[in-house]
Amino acid sequence: MSINRFRPARLGSVAVFGLAGLIFWLSFNVSGGNNIRTDDSLLQMSDLIRERARQNESLESSAAELRAEVDALAERDGPPDPGRQQRLDDLTAAAGLDDLTGPGLTVTLTDAPPDAEPLVPDVPEPSPNDLVIHQQDLQAVVNALWTGGATGIRVMDQRLISTSAVRCVGNTLILQGRLYSPPYTITAVGDRDRLRAALDASPEIGNYQQYVTAYGLGWEVEDHSAVTLPGYGGSVALQHARPVE
C-alpha cells in the first residue's frame, strides 16, 4: 500500500498561496473596499492636530490669565509665611515654572534639501526618510543636554518640564499641544563645555552626524554667554499618574 505525501516544494507552494490569500482577506477587511495606500488619513490627522493646537494655545492663554488672578487674590489676603513661601519658590523653580537665566547654548536641526544628493563617495542615494529630522534626533539632543548637566531646556518656544514629551507625527513636532515644523531649536542653560562634551559623546547624535556629512542635514551649535528660558506656563496637573505602592 502506498501513501501519497506532499513533497517539500509542493508543501511550500501551498503555504505561500495560503498566506497570500490571508493577506488579501485582511487587507479587504481593513480597507473596507477603499484604497488604503492614499495619504488621506495622514492629512486628516495633520488637520486635526493643527486644530487641537490652536485650541490648546487659546486654553493656555486663558489659564495664564486665571493664574495671574489667583496670585493677585492670594497677595491681597495678606503676606504669606516666609518659610512656606521660600519652599514654594524653590519648588516652582525646580519644576521649571520660573524664568531661568545663565550661560548655555542652542542646537539647531534642519532638514536637508528635498533634492539632496550624496555629498561623499560610496554613499547610496538618499530616501525621503534620510533627509528629514526624526523624533529620535530631537530626543537624542534633549537627552544629551540633560546628561551634560543642563539646569533648564527650551524646545522651540516652550520650556520642558517633567511631564514634557517630544513627539513627532511625520515631519512635524508636537510639544505640549502645539505644532512645530523644522528648523528645530533646542536651548539649554548650563556649563557650555559640559553641554558640548555631552553632545559629542552621544552615540545617537554621532549617528545623526553621519547623515549631516552624507546628505546635508542641518546641525548648528551656538554658544550664549547668557540666555533666558521662560518659565513653563501651561498646566502642571497630573491626570494619569498613580502613586507607587
Protein backbone atom coordinates (compact mmCIF):
# COMPACT_ATOMS: atom_id res chain seq x y z
CA MET A 1 0.00 0.00 0.00
CA SER A 2 1.42 3.34 -1.00
CA ILE A 3 0.94 6.57 0.89
CA ASN A 4 0.94 9.87 -1.00
CA ARG A 5 2.93 12.64 0.69
CA PHE A 6 3.46 16.29 -0.13
CA ARG A 7 6.94 17.00 -1.36
CA PRO A 8 8.67 19.90 0.37
CA ALA A 9 8.38 22.10 -2.74
CA ARG A 10 4.66 21.40 -3.12
CA LEU A 11 4.08 21.99 0.59
CA GLY A 12 5.92 25.31 0.36
CA SER A 13 3.77 26.39 -2.59
CA VAL A 14 0.59 25.59 -0.71
CA ALA A 15 1.79 27.62 2.29
CA VAL A 16 2.68 30.63 0.09
CA PHE A 17 -0.72 30.67 -1.65
CA GLY A 18 -2.47 30.27 1.69
CA LEU A 19 -0.56 33.17 3.19
CA ALA A 20 -1.28 35.34 0.15
CA GLY A 21 -4.99 34.63 0.47
CA LEU A 22 -4.91 35.55 4.15
CA ILE A 23 -3.16 38.86 3.38
CA PHE A 24 -5.73 39.77 0.69
CA TRP A 25 -8.58 38.96 3.07
CA LEU A 26 -7.08 41.06 5.88
CA SER A 27 -6.42 43.98 3.50
CA PHE A 28 -10.02 43.92 2.30
CA ASN A 29 -11.35 43.91 5.85
CA VAL A 30 -9.05 46.76 6.94
CA SER A 31 -9.76 48.94 3.92
CA GLY A 32 -13.47 48.31 3.75
CA GLY A 33 -13.16 48.31 -0.03
CA ASN A 34 -11.29 51.63 -0.09
CA ASN A 35 -7.78 52.48 -1.23
CA ILE A 36 -5.54 52.19 1.82
CA ARG A 37 -2.42 53.49 0.05
CA THR A 38 -3.56 57.11 -0.10
CA ASP A 39 -2.36 59.79 2.32
CA ASP A 40 -5.89 60.97 3.16
CA SER A 41 -5.76 59.58 6.70
CA LEU A 42 -2.43 61.31 7.37
CA LEU A 43 -3.77 64.59 6.01
CA GLN A 44 -6.86 64.31 8.18
CA MET A 45 -4.69 63.57 11.22
CA SER A 46 -2.49 66.59 10.47
CA ASP A 47 -5.53 68.87 10.17
CA LEU A 48 -6.91 67.54 13.45
CA ILE A 49 -3.58 68.13 15.20
CA ARG A 50 -3.41 71.71 13.93
CA GLU A 51 -6.94 72.42 15.11
CA ARG A 52 -6.19 70.94 18.55
CA ALA A 53 -3.00 73.02 18.71
CA ARG A 54 -4.98 76.22 18.11
CA GLN A 55 -7.46 75.23 20.81
CA ASN A 56 -4.69 74.40 23.27
CA GLU A 57 -2.99 77.72 22.68
CA SER A 58 -6.23 79.57 23.42
CA LEU A 59 -6.83 77.50 26.57
CA GLU A 60 -3.27 78.10 27.79
CA SER A 61 -3.74 81.84 27.40
CA SER A 62 -6.96 81.71 29.43
CA ALA A 63 -5.29 79.55 32.09
CA ALA A 64 -2.41 82.02 32.40
CA GLU A 65 -4.86 84.86 33.00
CA LEU A 66 -6.68 82.85 35.68
CA ARG A 67 -3.41 82.00 37.45
CA ALA A 68 -2.49 85.67 37.49
CA GLU A 69 -5.84 86.49 39.09
CA VAL A 70 -5.35 83.76 41.71
CA ASP A 71 -1.88 85.09 42.56
CA ALA A 72 -3.25 88.62 42.90
CA LEU A 73 -6.00 87.44 45.24
CA ALA A 74 -3.51 85.48 47.34
CA GLU A 75 -1.32 88.56 47.77
CA ARG A 76 -4.35 90.66 48.70
CA ASP A 77 -5.24 88.26 51.52
CA GLY A 78 -2.02 89.08 53.33
CA PRO A 79 1.69 88.28 53.28
CA PRO A 80 2.47 84.53 53.19
CA ASP A 81 4.53 82.72 55.78
CA PRO A 82 8.20 83.37 54.82
CA GLY A 83 9.30 79.77 55.27
CA ARG A 84 6.38 78.38 53.33
CA GLN A 85 6.88 80.95 50.57
CA GLN A 86 10.57 80.02 50.26
CA ARG A 87 9.70 76.34 49.89
CA LEU A 88 7.11 77.23 47.28
CA ASP A 89 9.61 79.37 45.38
CA ASP A 90 12.17 76.56 45.43
CA LEU A 91 9.66 74.04 44.16
CA THR A 92 8.43 76.41 41.46
CA ALA A 93 11.98 76.96 40.20
CA ALA A 94 12.76 73.23 40.25
CA ALA A 95 9.60 72.48 38.31
CA GLY A 96 10.60 74.88 35.54
CA LEU A 97 7.81 77.38 36.18
CA ASP A 98 10.13 80.38 36.70
CA ASP A 99 12.35 82.13 34.18
CA LEU A 100 15.92 80.80 34.15
CA THR A 101 18.94 82.85 33.07
CA GLY A 102 22.52 81.71 32.64
CA PRO A 103 25.16 80.64 30.14
CA GLY A 104 24.16 77.99 27.66
CA LEU A 105 23.87 77.00 24.04
CA THR A 106 21.36 76.43 21.26
CA VAL A 107 21.29 73.43 18.93
CA THR A 108 19.51 73.86 15.59
CA LEU A 109 18.48 70.87 13.46
CA THR A 110 17.33 71.38 9.87
CA ASP A 111 16.02 69.13 7.12
CA ALA A 112 18.24 68.53 4.12
CA PRO A 113 17.06 69.89 0.73
CA PRO A 114 14.41 67.58 -0.79
CA ASP A 115 16.57 67.11 -3.89
CA ALA A 116 19.74 66.40 -1.90
CA GLU A 117 22.32 64.04 -3.35
CA PRO A 118 25.18 62.21 -1.63
CA LEU A 119 27.94 64.61 -0.60
CA VAL A 120 30.63 61.97 -0.11
CA PRO A 121 31.72 59.00 -2.24
CA ASP A 122 30.32 55.49 -1.82
CA VAL A 123 27.10 56.65 -0.13
CA PRO A 124 23.78 55.35 -1.51
CA GLU A 125 21.14 57.66 -2.91
CA PRO A 126 19.03 59.02 -0.03
CA SER A 127 15.45 58.02 0.63
CA PRO A 128 12.99 60.71 1.83
CA ASN A 129 13.48 59.46 5.41
CA ASP A 130 17.20 60.19 5.18
CA LEU A 131 16.57 63.89 4.54
CA VAL A 132 14.30 64.87 7.45
CA ILE A 133 14.61 65.33 11.20
CA HIS A 134 13.07 62.48 13.18
CA GLN A 135 11.73 62.22 16.71
CA GLN A 136 14.77 60.24 17.85
CA ASP A 137 17.08 63.02 16.65
CA LEU A 138 15.33 65.61 18.82
CA GLN A 139 15.17 63.22 21.76
CA ALA A 140 18.88 62.48 21.41
CA VAL A 141 19.75 66.17 21.71
CA VAL A 142 17.45 66.73 24.69
CA ASN A 143 18.77 63.64 26.49
CA ALA A 144 22.39 64.62 25.86
CA LEU A 145 21.83 68.12 27.24
CA TRP A 146 20.23 66.74 30.42
CA THR A 147 23.16 64.35 30.73
CA GLY A 148 25.52 67.31 30.36
CA GLY A 149 24.02 68.98 33.42
CA ALA A 150 21.52 71.36 31.87
CA THR A 151 19.51 73.19 34.52
CA GLY A 152 16.76 74.00 32.05
CA ILE A 153 15.87 73.28 28.41
CA ARG A 154 13.62 75.03 25.93
CA VAL A 155 12.47 73.36 22.71
CA MET A 156 11.33 75.95 20.17
CA ASP A 157 9.46 78.47 22.37
CA GLN A 158 8.45 76.13 25.21
CA ARG A 159 10.20 75.19 28.44
CA LEU A 160 10.46 71.47 29.14
CA ILE A 161 9.15 70.16 32.46
CA SER A 162 8.98 66.69 34.00
CA THR A 163 5.85 65.74 32.03
CA SER A 164 7.05 67.07 28.67
CA ALA A 165 7.25 64.59 25.78
CA VAL A 166 9.00 65.28 22.47
CA ARG A 167 6.89 63.55 19.82
CA CYS A 168 6.70 63.77 16.05
CA VAL A 169 3.95 62.92 13.56
CA GLY A 170 5.57 62.66 10.17
CA ASN A 171 7.85 65.65 9.84
CA THR A 172 6.02 67.70 12.47
CA LEU A 173 6.88 68.16 16.13
CA ILE A 174 4.06 68.07 18.69
CA LEU A 175 5.09 69.53 22.02
CA GLN A 176 2.66 70.17 24.86
CA GLY A 177 -0.28 70.60 22.49
CA ARG A 178 1.47 72.85 19.97
CA LEU A 179 2.62 72.05 16.45
CA TYR A 180 6.05 72.95 15.01
CA SER A 181 7.90 72.49 11.73
CA PRO A 182 11.68 72.49 11.13
CA PRO A 183 14.12 74.04 11.65
CA TYR A 184 14.02 72.95 15.29
CA THR A 185 15.87 74.82 18.02
CA ILE A 186 16.78 73.41 21.42
CA THR A 187 18.27 75.79 24.00
CA ALA A 188 19.83 74.73 27.29
CA VAL A 189 21.17 76.66 30.28
CA GLY A 190 24.24 75.14 31.91
CA ASP A 191 28.00 74.83 31.71
CA ARG A 192 28.76 75.16 28.00
CA ASP A 193 31.82 72.91 28.00
CA ARG A 194 29.91 70.10 29.73
CA LEU A 195 26.95 70.52 27.41
CA ARG A 196 29.14 70.34 24.30
CA ALA A 197 31.02 67.34 25.66
CA ALA A 198 27.72 65.52 26.25
CA LEU A 199 26.60 66.27 22.69
CA ASP A 200 29.89 64.95 21.32
CA ALA A 201 29.67 61.80 23.45
CA SER A 202 26.14 60.82 22.39
CA PRO A 203 26.11 57.75 20.07
CA GLU A 204 22.70 58.78 18.71
CA ILE A 205 23.97 62.23 17.78
CA GLY A 206 27.05 60.61 16.27
CA ASN A 207 24.75 58.61 14.00
CA TYR A 208 22.87 61.79 13.07
CA GLN A 209 26.17 63.47 12.21
CA GLN A 210 26.82 60.78 9.61
CA TYR A 211 23.69 61.94 7.77
CA VAL A 212 24.82 65.55 8.15
CA THR A 213 28.02 64.64 6.34
CA ALA A 214 26.40 62.35 3.78
CA TYR A 215 23.27 64.28 2.79
CA GLY A 216 23.44 67.78 4.24
CA LEU A 217 21.09 67.60 7.22
CA GLY A 218 21.48 70.78 9.27
CA TRP A 219 23.41 70.87 12.54
CA GLU A 220 24.50 74.04 14.31
CA VAL A 221 25.55 74.74 17.90
CA GLU A 222 25.61 78.34 19.11
CA ASP A 223 27.09 79.45 22.45
CA HIS A 224 25.41 82.01 24.70
CA SER A 225 27.19 83.89 27.46
CA ALA A 226 23.71 84.49 28.89
CA VAL A 227 20.31 83.28 27.76
CA THR A 228 16.89 83.36 29.42
CA LEU A 229 14.46 80.46 29.29
CA PRO A 230 10.87 81.48 30.07
CA GLY A 231 9.04 79.53 32.73
CA TYR A 232 6.54 76.94 31.63
CA GLY A 233 3.09 78.49 31.52
CA GLY A 234 0.81 75.51 30.95
CA SER A 235 -0.99 73.21 33.33
CA VAL A 236 1.08 71.03 35.64
CA ALA A 237 -1.82 68.90 36.86
CA LEU A 238 -1.22 65.15 36.54
CA GLN A 239 -4.24 63.30 35.16
CA HIS A 240 -2.98 59.76 34.75
CA ALA A 241 -0.28 59.26 37.40
CA ARG A 242 -0.77 56.78 40.23
CA PRO A 243 1.15 56.58 43.50
CA VAL A 244 3.76 53.86 43.76
CA GLU A 245 2.64 51.14 46.15
